[in-house]
Structure formats: structure tokens, C-alpha cells
Amino acid sequence: MKNNWLWGFLILAATGCYQQDPMVRAAQDLQKMAYDMASQQEEQRYHLNSLHLGMTDKEVLDAVGPPSARQSIATNAEESREVWTYRGAVTPLATLTFVNQRLTEMRVE
């Protein structure tokens, strides 16, 4: 019985002192980060695919969130035009064009 207690203590002590190889840990962290980025990008694509022409810029903001870049192309008394770009971690996801605050063109990558 005394030996069983000693073995149990030694096993617990040994497992508590185990340290993972830093290279293995770095690879696991990189893999988790890649999965998280891919998951976020897929969620963003899902929201972008729910858009439809004619939506207001506020409706798009509510559905998808703010764009990565916003560019005003032309503005005059009768017409305002903006292009919004949504980027993923590595590639562009979509380019949206608004005329007078209404979605008129969508290009989902």
C-alpha cells in the first residue's frame, strides 16, 4: 500500500513538471490562429452573401459591419457614389458600390 502511494505521488510530480517543446507549442498556436482566421472569414462571407441590391448603407453596416476601406468616387448635387471593400485575413472578400446610400453593385470574391 505504501508503494502505491509513492508511485502515485511520483506520477503526479512528473506530469506536473512536464513542459511542452516550444516548437510544438508554437506550431499548435499557429494552427489555432489559422483556424480562427478561416472561421472568421467564413462568417464574414456568410453575412456578405445575405446582402441584396437596394439595401441602404445603414442596413449593410448592421448586417456586415464596417468595411476595411471606404472610398468616395464621385459626389455632385444629384449623386453620391462610394465603394466599400471588405478584406479577409489575406484576400479581399467583397467590393460593394453605393449610389445615393443604396447598394447598387456587389462583387463577392
PDB file of N, CA and C in Angstrom:
ATOM      1  N   MET A   1       0.828  -1.195   0.000  1.00  0.00           N
ATOM      2  CA  MET A   1       0.000   0.000   0.000  1.00  0.00           C
ATOM      3  C   MET A   1       0.872   1.257   0.000  1.00  0.00           C
ATOM      4  N   LYS A   2       1.980   1.202   0.778  1.00  0.00           N
ATOM      5  CA  LYS A   2       2.869   2.346   0.854  1.00  0.00           C
ATOM      6  C   LYS A   2       3.523   2.608  -0.508  1.00  0.00           C
ATOM      7  N   ASN A   3       3.851   1.530  -1.246  1.00  0.00           N
ATOM      8  CA  ASN A   3       4.458   1.687  -2.568  1.00  0.00           C
ATOM      9  C   ASN A   3       3.478   2.305  -3.558  1.00  0.00           C
ATOM     10  N   ASN A   4       2.199   1.950  -3.465  1.00  0.00           N
ATOM     11  CA  ASN A   4       1.201   2.533  -4.364  1.00  0.00           C
ATOM     12  C   ASN A   4       1.098   4.046  -4.167  1.00  0.00           C
ATOM     13  N   TRP A   5       1.138   4.471  -2.935  1.00  0.00           N
ATOM     14  CA  TRP A   5       1.085   5.897  -2.624  1.00  0.00           C
ATOM     15  C   TRP A   5       2.299   6.606  -3.189  1.00  0.00           C
ATOM     16  N   LEU A   6       3.479   5.994  -3.048  1.00  0.00           N
ATOM     17  CA  LEU A   6       4.718   6.574  -3.549  1.00  0.00           C
ATOM     18  C   LEU A   6       4.687   6.679  -5.073  1.00  0.00           C
ATOM     19  N   TRP A   7       4.231   5.629  -5.767  1.00  0.00           N
ATOM     20  CA  TRP A   7       4.130   5.665  -7.222  1.00  0.00           C
ATOM     21  C   TRP A   7       3.138   6.741  -7.681  1.00  0.00           C
ATOM     22  N   GLY A   8       2.021   6.823  -7.015  1.00  0.00           N
ATOM     23  CA  GLY A   8       1.030   7.852  -7.360  1.00  0.00           C
ATOM     24  C   GLY A   8       1.602   9.246  -7.216  1.00  0.00           C
ATOM     25  N   PHE A   9       2.348   9.476  -6.128  1.00  0.00           N
ATOM     26  CA  PHE A   9       2.971  10.777  -5.909  1.00  0.00           C
ATOM     27  C   PHE A   9       3.996  11.083  -6.998  1.00  0.00           C
ATOM     28  N   LEU A  10       4.816  10.082  -7.361  1.00  0.00           N
ATOM     29  CA  LEU A  10       5.834  10.278  -8.388  1.00  0.00           C
ATOM     30  C   LEU A  10       5.211  10.581  -9.750  1.00  0.00           C
ATOM     31  N   ILE A  11       4.127   9.896 -10.080  1.00  0.00           N
ATOM     32  CA  ILE A  11       3.452  10.143 -11.355  1.00  0.00           C
ATOM     33  C   ILE A  11       2.886  11.560 -11.395  1.00  0.00           C
ATOM     34  N   LEU A  12       2.237  11.961 -10.312  1.00  0.00           N
ATOM     35  CA  LEU A  12       1.683  13.328 -10.269  1.00  0.00           C
ATOM     36  C   LEU A  12       2.788  14.372 -10.351  1.00  0.00           C
ATOM     37  N   ALA A  13       3.888  14.153  -9.676  1.00  0.00           N
ATOM     38  CA  ALA A  13       5.002  15.101  -9.691  1.00  0.00           C
ATOM     39  C   ALA A  13       5.613  15.182 -11.083  1.00  0.00           C
ATOM     40  N   ALA A  14       5.760  14.039 -11.735  1.00  0.00           N
ATOM     41  CA  ALA A  14       6.364  14.029 -13.075  1.00  0.00           C
ATOM     42  C   ALA A  14       5.479  14.727 -14.094  1.00  0.00           C
ATOM     43  N   THR A  15       4.172  14.503 -14.047  1.00  0.00           N
ATOM     44  CA  THR A  15       3.289  15.145 -15.016  1.00  0.00           C
ATOM     45  C   THR A  15       3.189  16.639 -14.760  1.00  0.00           C
ATOM     46  N   GLY A  16       3.299  17.062 -13.534  1.00  0.00           N
ATOM     47  CA  GLY A  16       3.258  18.486 -13.221  1.00  0.00           C
ATOM     48  C   GLY A  16       4.495  19.219 -13.694  1.00  0.00           C
ATOM     49  N   CYS A  17       5.606  18.523 -13.851  1.00  0.00           N
ATOM     50  CA  CYS A  17       6.861  19.139 -14.270  1.00  0.00           C
ATOM     51  C   CYS A  17       7.071  19.087 -15.778  1.00  0.00           C
ATOM     52  N   TYR A  18       6.204  18.377 -16.477  1.00  0.00           N
ATOM     53  CA  TYR A  18       6.363  18.238 -17.927  1.00  0.00           C
ATOM     54  C   TYR A  18       6.148  19.579 -18.606  1.00  0.00           C
ATOM     55  N   GLN A  19       7.082  19.945 -19.472  1.00  0.00           N
ATOM     56  CA  GLN A  19       6.933  21.167 -20.260  1.00  0.00           C
ATOM     57  C   GLN A  19       6.947  20.790 -21.734  1.00  0.00           C
ATOM     58  N   GLN A  20       6.008  21.345 -22.448  1.00  0.00           N
ATOM     59  CA  GLN A  20       5.893  21.046 -23.872  1.00  0.00           C
ATOM     60  C   GLN A  20       7.027  21.716 -24.640  1.00  0.00           C
ATOM     61  N   ASP A  21       7.491  21.040 -25.673  1.00  0.00           N
ATOM     62  CA  ASP A  21       8.521  21.577 -26.546  1.00  0.00           C
ATOM     63  C   ASP A  21       8.025  22.909 -27.121  1.00  0.00           C
ATOM     64  N   PRO A  22       8.820  23.978 -27.034  1.00  0.00           N
ATOM     65  CA  PRO A  22       8.380  25.293 -27.541  1.00  0.00           C
ATOM     66  C   PRO A  22       8.032  25.285 -29.028  1.00  0.00           C
ATOM     67  N   MET A  23       8.711  24.479 -29.824  1.00  0.00           N
ATOM     68  CA  MET A  23       8.404  24.404 -31.259  1.00  0.00           C
ATOM     69  C   MET A  23       7.036  23.773 -31.484  1.00  0.00           C
ATOM     70  N   VAL A  24       6.708  22.758 -30.699  1.00  0.00           N
ATOM     71  CA  VAL A  24       5.397  22.113 -30.813  1.00  0.00           C
ATOM     72  C   VAL A  24       4.319  23.104 -30.400  1.00  0.00           C
ATOM     73  N   ARG A  25       4.555  23.802 -29.313  1.00  0.00           N
ATOM     74  CA  ARG A  25       3.583  24.790 -28.817  1.00  0.00           C
ATOM     75  C   ARG A  25       3.371  25.898 -29.854  1.00  0.00           C
ATOM     76  N   ALA A  26       4.452  26.387 -30.470  1.00  0.00           N
ATOM     77  CA  ALA A  26       4.349  27.442 -31.484  1.00  0.00           C
ATOM     78  C   ALA A  26       3.550  26.945 -32.695  1.00  0.00           C
ATOM     79  N   ALA A  27       3.781  25.709 -33.113  1.00  0.00           N
ATOM     80  CA  ALA A  27       3.040  25.146 -34.241  1.00  0.00           C
ATOM     81  C   ALA A  27       1.560  25.018 -33.913  1.00  0.00           C
ATOM     82  N   GLN A  28       1.254  24.591 -32.692  1.00  0.00           N
ATOM     83  CA  GLN A  28      -0.152  24.471 -32.280  1.00  0.00           C
ATOM     84  C   GLN A  28      -0.820  25.842 -32.223  1.00  0.00           C
ATOM     85  N   ASP A  29      -0.115  26.836 -31.729  1.00  0.00           N
ATOM     86  CA  ASP A  29      -0.667  28.193 -31.669  1.00  0.00           C
ATOM     87  C   ASP A  29      -0.924  28.735 -33.079  1.00  0.00           C
ATOM     88  N   LEU A  30       0.014  28.484 -34.001  1.00  0.00           N
ATOM     89  CA  LEU A  30      -0.147  28.939 -35.379  1.00  0.00           C
ATOM     90  C   LEU A  30      -1.341  28.243 -36.038  1.00  0.00           C
ATOM     91  N   GLN A  31      -1.485  26.952 -35.792  1.00  0.00           N
ATOM     92  CA  GLN A  31      -2.608  26.205 -36.353  1.00  0.00           C
ATOM     93  C   GLN A  31      -3.933  26.745 -35.820  1.00  0.00           C
ATOM     94  N   LYS A  32      -4.018  27.023 -34.527  1.00  0.00           N
ATOM     95  CA  LYS A  32      -5.244  27.564 -33.938  1.00  0.00           C
ATOM     96  C   LYS A  32      -5.553  28.936 -34.525  1.00  0.00           C
ATOM     97  N   MET A  33      -4.531  29.760 -34.700  1.00  0.00           N
ATOM     98  CA  MET A  33      -4.739  31.087 -35.270  1.00  0.00           C
ATOM     99  C   MET A  33      -5.264  30.978 -36.706  1.00  0.00           C
ATOM    100  N   ALA A  34      -4.722  30.047 -37.485  1.00  0.00           N
ATOM    101  CA  ALA A  34      -5.181  29.861 -38.869  1.00  0.00           C
ATOM    102  C   ALA A  34      -6.633  29.399 -38.891  1.00  0.00           C
ATOM    103  N   TYR A  35      -7.002  28.471 -38.017  1.00  0.00           N
ATOM    104  CA  TYR A  35      -8.395  28.015 -37.952  1.00  0.00           C
ATOM    105  C   TYR A  35      -9.330  29.146 -37.542  1.00  0.00           C
ATOM    106  N   ASP A  36      -8.910  29.962 -36.573  1.00  0.00           N
ATOM    107  CA  ASP A  36      -9.734  31.094 -36.129  1.00  0.00           C
ATOM    108  C   ASP A  36      -9.936  32.107 -37.253  1.00  0.00           C
ATOM    109  N   MET A  37      -8.865  32.400 -37.996  1.00  0.00           N
ATOM    110  CA  MET A  37      -8.974  33.353 -39.102  1.00  0.00           C
ATOM    111  C   MET A  37      -9.889  32.813 -40.197  1.00  0.00           C
ATOM    112  N   ALA A  38      -9.765  31.533 -40.507  1.00  0.00           N
ATOM    113  CA  ALA A  38     -10.623  30.925 -41.536  1.00  0.00           C
ATOM    114  C   ALA A  38     -12.078  30.939 -41.091  1.00  0.00           C
ATOM    115  N   SER A  39     -12.315  30.695 -39.818  1.00  0.00           N
ATOM    116  CA  SER A  39     -13.682  30.706 -39.287  1.00  0.00           C
ATOM    117  C   SER A  39     -14.286  32.107 -39.366  1.00  0.00           C
ATOM    118  N   GLN A  40     -13.505  33.112 -38.989  1.00  0.00           N
ATOM    119  CA  GLN A  40     -13.988  34.492 -39.069  1.00  0.00           C
ATOM    120  C   GLN A  40     -14.276  34.890 -40.512  1.00  0.00           C
ATOM    121  N   GLN A  41     -13.417  34.463 -41.427  1.00  0.00           N
ATOM    122  CA  GLN A  41     -13.608  34.798 -42.834  1.00  0.00           C
ATOM    123  C   GLN A  41     -14.868  34.130 -43.377  1.00  0.00           C
ATOM    124  N   GLU A  42     -15.122  32.895 -43.008  1.00  0.00           N
ATOM    125  CA  GLU A  42     -16.334  32.202 -43.457  1.00  0.00           C
ATOM    126  C   GLU A  42     -17.585  32.881 -42.901  1.00  0.00           C
ATOM    127  N   GLU A  43     -17.524  33.318 -41.661  1.00  0.00           N
ATOM    128  CA  GLU A  43     -18.668  34.032 -41.074  1.00  0.00           C
ATOM    129  C   GLU A  43     -18.925  35.345 -41.806  1.00  0.00           C
ATOM    130  N   GLN A  44     -17.846  36.053 -42.133  1.00  0.00           N
ATOM    131  CA  GLN A  44     -17.981  37.319 -42.872  1.00  0.00           C
ATOM    132  C   GLN A  44     -18.586  37.062 -44.254  1.00  0.00           C
ATOM    133  N   ARG A  45     -18.136  35.997 -44.934  1.00  0.00           N
ATOM    134  CA  ARG A  45     -18.703  35.646 -46.250  1.00  0.00           C
ATOM    135  C   ARG A  45     -20.186  35.329 -46.139  1.00  0.00           C
ATOM    136  N   TYR A  46     -20.560  34.625 -45.082  1.00  0.00           N
ATOM    137  CA  TYR A  46     -21.973  34.293 -44.866  1.00  0.00           C
ATOM    138  C   TYR A  46     -22.803  35.574 -44.784  1.00  0.00           C
ATOM    139  N   HIS A  47     -22.328  36.546 -44.017  1.00  0.00           N
ATOM    140  CA  HIS A  47     -23.061  37.813 -43.883  1.00  0.00           C
ATOM    141  C   HIS A  47     -23.081  38.582 -45.205  1.00  0.00           C
ATOM    142  N   LEU A  48     -21.970  38.589 -45.918  1.00  0.00           N
ATOM    143  CA  LEU A  48     -21.926  39.280 -47.206  1.00  0.00           C
ATOM    144  C   LEU A  48     -22.896  38.657 -48.201  1.00  0.00           C
ATOM    145  N   ASN A  49     -23.026  37.350 -48.184  1.00  0.00           N
ATOM    146  CA  ASN A  49     -23.947  36.673 -49.100  1.00  0.00           C
ATOM    147  C   ASN A  49     -25.414  36.928 -48.763  1.00  0.00           C
ATOM    148  N   SER A  50     -25.685  37.474 -47.592  1.00  0.00           N
ATOM    149  CA  SER A  50     -27.070  37.775 -47.218  1.00  0.00           C
ATOM    150  C   SER A  50     -27.525  39.150 -47.729  1.00  0.00           C
ATOM    151  N   LEU A  51     -26.607  39.918 -48.298  1.00  0.00           N
ATOM    152  CA  LEU A  51     -26.949  41.254 -48.793  1.00  0.00           C
ATOM    153  C   LEU A  51     -27.710  41.165 -50.112  1.00  0.00           C
ATOM    154  N   HIS A  52     -28.462  42.207 -50.405  1.00  0.00           N
ATOM    155  CA  HIS A  52     -29.162  42.280 -51.692  1.00  0.00           C
ATOM    156  C   HIS A  52     -29.153  43.721 -52.181  1.00  0.00           C
ATOM    157  N   LEU A  53     -29.233  43.877 -53.485  1.00  0.00           N
ATOM    158  CA  LEU A  53     -29.223  45.211 -54.082  1.00  0.00           C
ATOM    159  C   LEU A  53     -30.398  46.029 -53.570  1.00  0.00           C
ATOM    160  N   GLY A  54     -30.154  47.311 -53.410  1.00  0.00           N
ATOM    161  CA  GLY A  54     -31.197  48.216 -52.935  1.00  0.00           C
ATOM    162  C   GLY A  54     -31.125  48.492 -51.442  1.00  0.00           C
ATOM    163  N   MET A  55     -30.323  47.717 -50.711  1.00  0.00           N
ATOM    164  CA  MET A  55     -30.186  47.963 -49.271  1.00  0.00           C
ATOM    165  C   MET A  55     -29.531  49.320 -49.044  1.00  0.00           C
ATOM    166  N   THR A  56     -29.863  49.955 -47.938  1.00  0.00           N
ATOM    167  CA  THR A  56     -29.205  51.219 -47.587  1.00  0.00           C
ATOM    168  C   THR A  56     -27.839  50.914 -46.977  1.00  0.00           C
ATOM    169  N   ASP A  57     -26.985  51.945 -46.944  1.00  0.00           N
ATOM    170  CA  ASP A  57     -25.671  51.743 -46.345  1.00  0.00           C
ATOM    171  C   ASP A  57     -25.788  51.394 -44.864  1.00  0.00           C
ATOM    172  N   LYS A  58     -26.801  51.917 -44.177  1.00  0.00           N
ATOM    173  CA  LYS A  58     -27.008  51.586 -42.762  1.00  0.00           C
ATOM    174  C   LYS A  58     -27.404  50.116 -42.606  1.00  0.00           C
ATOM    175  N   GLU A  59     -28.267  49.619 -43.482  1.00  0.00           N
ATOM    176  CA  GLU A  59     -28.662  48.205 -43.421  1.00  0.00           C
ATOM    177  C   GLU A  59     -27.451  47.295 -43.651  1.00  0.00           C
ATOM    178  N   VAL A  60     -26.582  47.694 -44.568  1.00  0.00           N
ATOM    179  CA  VAL A  60     -25.373  46.901 -44.821  1.00  0.00           C
ATOM    180  C   VAL A  60     -24.458  46.930 -43.602  1.00  0.00           C
ATOM    181  N   LEU A  61     -24.285  48.101 -43.012  1.00  0.00           N
ATOM    182  CA  LEU A  61     -23.464  48.195 -41.803  1.00  0.00           C
ATOM    183  C   LEU A  61     -24.017  47.324 -40.683  1.00  0.00           C
ATOM    184  N   ASP A  62     -25.330  47.315 -40.532  1.00  0.00           N
ATOM    185  CA  ASP A  62     -25.949  46.490 -39.496  1.00  0.00           C
ATOM    186  C   ASP A  62     -25.756  44.996 -39.771  1.00  0.00           C
ATOM    187  N   ALA A  63     -25.791  44.609 -41.046  1.00  0.00           N
ATOM    188  CA  ALA A  63     -25.698  43.191 -41.410  1.00  0.00           C
ATOM    189  C   ALA A  63     -24.261  42.677 -41.410  1.00  0.00           C
ATOM    190  N   VAL A  64     -23.322  43.497 -41.885  1.00  0.00           N
ATOM    191  CA  VAL A  64     -21.962  43.016 -42.109  1.00  0.00           C
ATOM    192  C   VAL A  64     -20.931  43.697 -41.217  1.00  0.00           C
ATOM    193  N   GLY A  65     -21.221  44.901 -40.794  1.00  0.00           N
ATOM    194  CA  GLY A  65     -20.235  45.650 -40.024  1.00  0.00           C
ATOM    195  C   GLY A  65     -19.477  46.614 -40.918  1.00  0.00           C
ATOM    196  N   PRO A  66     -18.556  47.354 -40.345  1.00  0.00           N
ATOM    197  CA  PRO A  66     -17.831  48.363 -41.126  1.00  0.00           C
ATOM    198  C   PRO A  66     -16.865  47.724 -42.122  1.00  0.00           C
ATOM    199  N   PRO A  67     -16.661  48.372 -43.273  1.00  0.00           N
ATOM    200  CA  PRO A  67     -15.744  47.836 -44.274  1.00  0.00           C
ATOM    201  C   PRO A  67     -14.287  48.075 -43.866  1.00  0.00           C
ATOM    202  N   SER A  68     -13.399  47.365 -44.541  1.00  0.00           N
ATOM    203  CA  SER A  68     -11.957  47.572 -44.317  1.00  0.00           C
ATOM    204  C   SER A  68     -11.518  48.906 -44.909  1.00  0.00           C
ATOM    205  N   ALA A  69     -12.135  49.284 -46.042  1.00  0.00           N
ATOM    206  CA  ALA A  69     -11.809  50.553 -46.705  1.00  0.00           C
ATOM    207  C   ALA A  69     -13.072  51.133 -47.317  1.00  0.00           C
ATOM    208  N   ARG A  70     -13.127  52.452 -47.311  1.00  0.00           N
ATOM    209  CA  ARG A  70     -14.276  53.182 -47.851  1.00  0.00           C
ATOM    210  C   ARG A  70     -13.741  54.285 -48.741  1.00  0.00           C
ATOM    211  N   GLN A  71     -14.231  54.346 -49.995  1.00  0.00           N
ATOM    212  CA  GLN A  71     -13.724  55.342 -50.934  1.00  0.00           C
ATOM    213  C   GLN A  71     -14.884  56.062 -51.603  1.00  0.00           C
ATOM    214  N   SER A  72     -14.851  57.384 -51.537  1.00  0.00           N
ATOM    215  CA  SER A  72     -15.843  58.194 -52.229  1.00  0.00           C
ATOM    216  C   SER A  72     -15.332  58.444 -53.640  1.00  0.00           C
ATOM    217  N   ILE A  73     -16.098  57.980 -54.640  1.00  0.00           N
ATOM    218  CA  ILE A  73     -15.644  58.076 -56.030  1.00  0.00           C
ATOM    219  C   ILE A  73     -16.071  59.394 -56.656  1.00  0.00           C
ATOM    220  N   ALA A  74     -17.335  59.692 -56.586  1.00  0.00           N
ATOM    221  CA  ALA A  74     -17.829  60.921 -57.214  1.00  0.00           C
ATOM    222  C   ALA A  74     -18.960  61.468 -56.366  1.00  0.00           C
ATOM    223  N   THR A  75     -18.955  62.752 -56.215  1.00  0.00           N
ATOM    224  CA  THR A  75     -20.038  63.391 -55.481  1.00  0.00           C
ATOM    225  C   THR A  75     -20.414  64.679 -56.202  1.00  0.00           C
ATOM    226  N   ASN A  76     -21.685  64.792 -56.500  1.00  0.00           N
ATOM    227  CA  ASN A  76     -22.191  66.043 -57.047  1.00  0.00           C
ATOM    228  C   ASN A  76     -23.563  66.276 -56.431  1.00  0.00           C
ATOM    229  N   ALA A  77     -24.244  67.261 -56.907  1.00  0.00           N
ATOM    230  CA  ALA A  77     -25.534  67.625 -56.298  1.00  0.00           C
ATOM    231  C   ALA A  77     -26.576  66.523 -56.446  1.00  0.00           C
ATOM    232  N   GLU A  78     -26.528  65.784 -57.544  1.00  0.00           N
ATOM    233  CA  GLU A  78     -27.562  64.754 -57.783  1.00  0.00           C
ATOM    234  C   GLU A  78     -27.156  63.359 -57.335  1.00  0.00           C
ATOM    235  N   GLU A  79     -25.847  63.091 -57.234  1.00  0.00           N
ATOM    236  CA  GLU A  79     -25.437  61.710 -56.978  1.00  0.00           C
ATOM    237  C   GLU A  79     -24.185  61.645 -56.114  1.00  0.00           C
ATOM    238  N   SER A  80     -24.237  60.766 -55.140  1.00  0.00           N
ATOM    239  CA  SER A  80     -23.033  60.449 -54.363  1.00  0.00           C
ATOM    240  C   SER A  80     -22.721  58.971 -54.587  1.00  0.00           C
ATOM    241  N   ARG A  81     -21.453  58.648 -54.718  1.00  0.00           N
ATOM    242  CA  ARG A  81     -21.041  57.273 -55.018  1.00  0.00           C
ATOM    243  C   ARG A  81     -19.894  56.898 -54.081  1.00  0.00           C
ATOM    244  N   GLU A  82     -20.032  55.701 -53.464  1.00  0.00           N
ATOM    245  CA  GLU A  82     -18.993  55.184 -52.577  1.00  0.00           C
ATOM    246  C   GLU A  82     -18.729  53.725 -52.903  1.00  0.00           C
ATOM    247  N   VAL A  83     -17.476  53.325 -52.698  1.00  0.00           N
ATOM    248  CA  VAL A  83     -17.090  51.925 -52.858  1.00  0.00           C
ATOM    249  C   VAL A  83     -16.532  51.456 -51.523  1.00  0.00           C
ATOM    250  N   TRP A  84     -17.092  50.356 -51.036  1.00  0.00           N
ATOM    251  CA  TRP A  84     -16.629  49.754 -49.794  1.00  0.00           C
ATOM    252  C   TRP A  84     -15.932  48.446 -50.113  1.00  0.00           C
ATOM    253  N   THR A  85     -14.812  48.220 -49.466  1.00  0.00           N
ATOM    254  CA  THR A  85     -14.077  46.978 -49.646  1.00  0.00           C
ATOM    255  C   THR A  85     -14.012  46.238 -48.317  1.00  0.00           C
ATOM    256  N   TYR A  86     -14.376  44.977 -48.363  1.00  0.00           N
ATOM    257  CA  TYR A  86     -14.259  44.098 -47.201  1.00  0.00           C
ATOM    258  C   TYR A  86     -13.125  43.135 -47.470  1.00  0.00           C
ATOM    259  N   ARG A  87     -12.154  43.085 -46.570  1.00  0.00           N
ATOM    260  CA  ARG A  87     -10.998  42.209 -46.730  1.00  0.00           C
ATOM    261  C   ARG A  87     -11.019  41.117 -45.671  1.00  0.00           C
ATOM    262  N   GLY A  88     -10.578  39.947 -46.095  1.00  0.00           N
ATOM    263  CA  GLY A  88     -10.353  38.854 -45.162  1.00  0.00           C
ATOM    264  C   GLY A  88      -8.947  38.978 -44.611  1.00  0.00           C
ATOM    265  N   ALA A  89      -8.465  37.932 -43.989  1.00  0.00           N
ATOM    266  CA  ALA A  89      -7.124  37.960 -43.428  1.00  0.00           C
ATOM    267  C   ALA A  89      -6.063  38.097 -44.518  1.00  0.00           C
ATOM    268  N   VAL A  90      -6.312  37.517 -45.681  1.00  0.00           N
ATOM    269  CA  VAL A  90      -5.302  37.510 -46.737  1.00  0.00           C
ATOM    270  C   VAL A  90      -5.825  38.112 -48.040  1.00  0.00           C
ATOM    271  N   THR A  91      -7.072  37.862 -48.356  1.00  0.00           N
ATOM    272  CA  THR A  91      -7.616  38.270 -49.651  1.00  0.00           C
ATOM    273  C   THR A  91      -8.840  39.158 -49.477  1.00  0.00           C
ATOM    274  N   PRO A  92      -9.191  39.930 -50.533  1.00  0.00           N
ATOM    275  CA  PRO A  92     -10.437  40.696 -50.479  1.00  0.00           C
ATOM    276  C   PRO A  92     -11.633  39.742 -50.494  1.00  0.00           C
ATOM    277  N   LEU A  93     -12.662  40.090 -49.747  1.00  0.00           N
ATOM    278  CA  LEU A  93     -13.873  39.265 -49.712  1.00  0.00           C
ATOM    279  C   LEU A  93     -14.958  39.826 -50.616  1.00  0.00           C
ATOM    280  N   ALA A  94     -15.097  41.154 -50.632  1.00  0.00           N
ATOM    281  CA  ALA A  94     -16.171  41.753 -51.420  1.00  0.00           C
ATOM    282  C   ALA A  94     -15.897  43.233 -51.661  1.00  0.00           C
ATOM    283  N   THR A  95     -16.463  43.711 -52.764  1.00  0.00           N
ATOM    284  CA  THR A  95     -16.456  45.136 -53.076  1.00  0.00           C
ATOM    285  C   THR A  95     -17.908  45.536 -53.320  1.00  0.00           C
ATOM    286  N   LEU A  96     -18.360  46.526 -52.584  1.00  0.00           N
ATOM    287  CA  LEU A  96     -19.750  46.994 -52.675  1.00  0.00           C
ATOM    288  C   LEU A  96     -19.753  48.433 -53.174  1.00  0.00           C
ATOM    289  N   THR A  97     -20.661  48.728 -54.094  1.00  0.00           N
ATOM    290  CA  THR A  97     -20.802  50.087 -54.616  1.00  0.00           C
ATOM    291  C   THR A  97     -22.160  50.631 -54.201  1.00  0.00           C
ATOM    292  N   PHE A  98     -22.135  51.851 -53.686  1.00  0.00           N
ATOM    293  CA  PHE A  98     -23.359  52.536 -53.256  1.00  0.00           C
ATOM    294  C   PHE A  98     -23.544  53.797 -54.086  1.00  0.00           C
ATOM    295  N   VAL A  99     -24.766  54.029 -54.532  1.00  0.00           N
ATOM    296  CA  VAL A  99     -25.128  55.276 -55.189  1.00  0.00           C
ATOM    297  C   VAL A  99     -26.267  55.864 -54.369  1.00  0.00           C
ATOM    298  N   ASN A 100     -26.053  57.088 -53.896  1.00  0.00           N
ATOM    299  CA  ASN A 100     -27.023  57.760 -53.029  1.00  0.00           C
ATOM    300  C   ASN A 100     -27.425  56.885 -51.842  1.00  0.00           C
ATOM    301  N   GLN A 101     -26.426  56.305 -51.195  1.00  0.00           N
ATOM    302  CA  GLN A 101     -26.565  55.478 -49.993  1.00  0.00           C
ATOM    303  C   GLN A 101     -27.354  54.183 -50.216  1.00  0.00           C
ATOM    304  N   ARG A 102     -27.487  53.736 -51.455  1.00  0.00           N
ATOM    305  CA  ARG A 102     -28.165  52.473 -51.781  1.00  0.00           C
ATOM    306  C   ARG A 102     -27.157  51.539 -52.471  1.00  0.00           C
ATOM    307  N   LEU A 103     -27.206  50.267 -52.080  1.00  0.00           N
ATOM    308  CA  LEU A 103     -26.320  49.270 -52.668  1.00  0.00           C
ATOM    309  C   LEU A 103     -26.757  49.003 -54.106  1.00  0.00           C
ATOM    310  N   THR A 104     -25.847  49.288 -55.058  1.00  0.00           N
ATOM    311  CA  THR A 104     -26.176  49.115 -56.477  1.00  0.00           C
ATOM    312  C   THR A 104     -25.355  48.038 -57.166  1.00  0.00           C
ATOM    313  N   GLU A 105     -24.243  47.655 -56.550  1.00  0.00           N
ATOM    314  CA  GLU A 105     -23.395  46.627 -57.173  1.00  0.00           C
ATOM    315  C   GLU A 105     -22.645  45.878 -56.075  1.00  0.00           C
ATOM    316  N   MET A 106     -22.578  44.549 -56.224  1.00  0.00           N
ATOM    317  CA  MET A 106     -21.839  43.716 -55.274  1.00  0.00           C
ATOM    318  C   MET A 106     -20.926  42.782 -56.062  1.00  0.00           C
ATOM    319  N   ARG A 107     -19.716  42.719 -55.631  1.00  0.00           N
ATOM    320  CA  ARG A 107     -18.771  41.757 -56.198  1.00  0.00           C
ATOM    321  C   ARG A 107     -18.168  40.996 -55.026  1.00  0.00           C
ATOM    322  N   VAL A 108     -18.658  39.772 -54.825  1.00  0.00           N
ATOM    323  CA  VAL A 108     -18.183  38.917 -53.739  1.00  0.00           C
ATOM    324  C   VAL A 108     -17.137  37.993 -54.314  1.00  0.00           C
ATOM    325  N   GLU A 109     -15.955  38.017 -53.744  1.00  0.00           N
ATOM    326  CA  GLU A 109     -14.829  37.208 -54.246  1.00  0.00           C
ATOM    327  C   GLU A 109     -15.015  35.751 -53.859  1.00  0.00           C
TER     328      GLU A 109
END
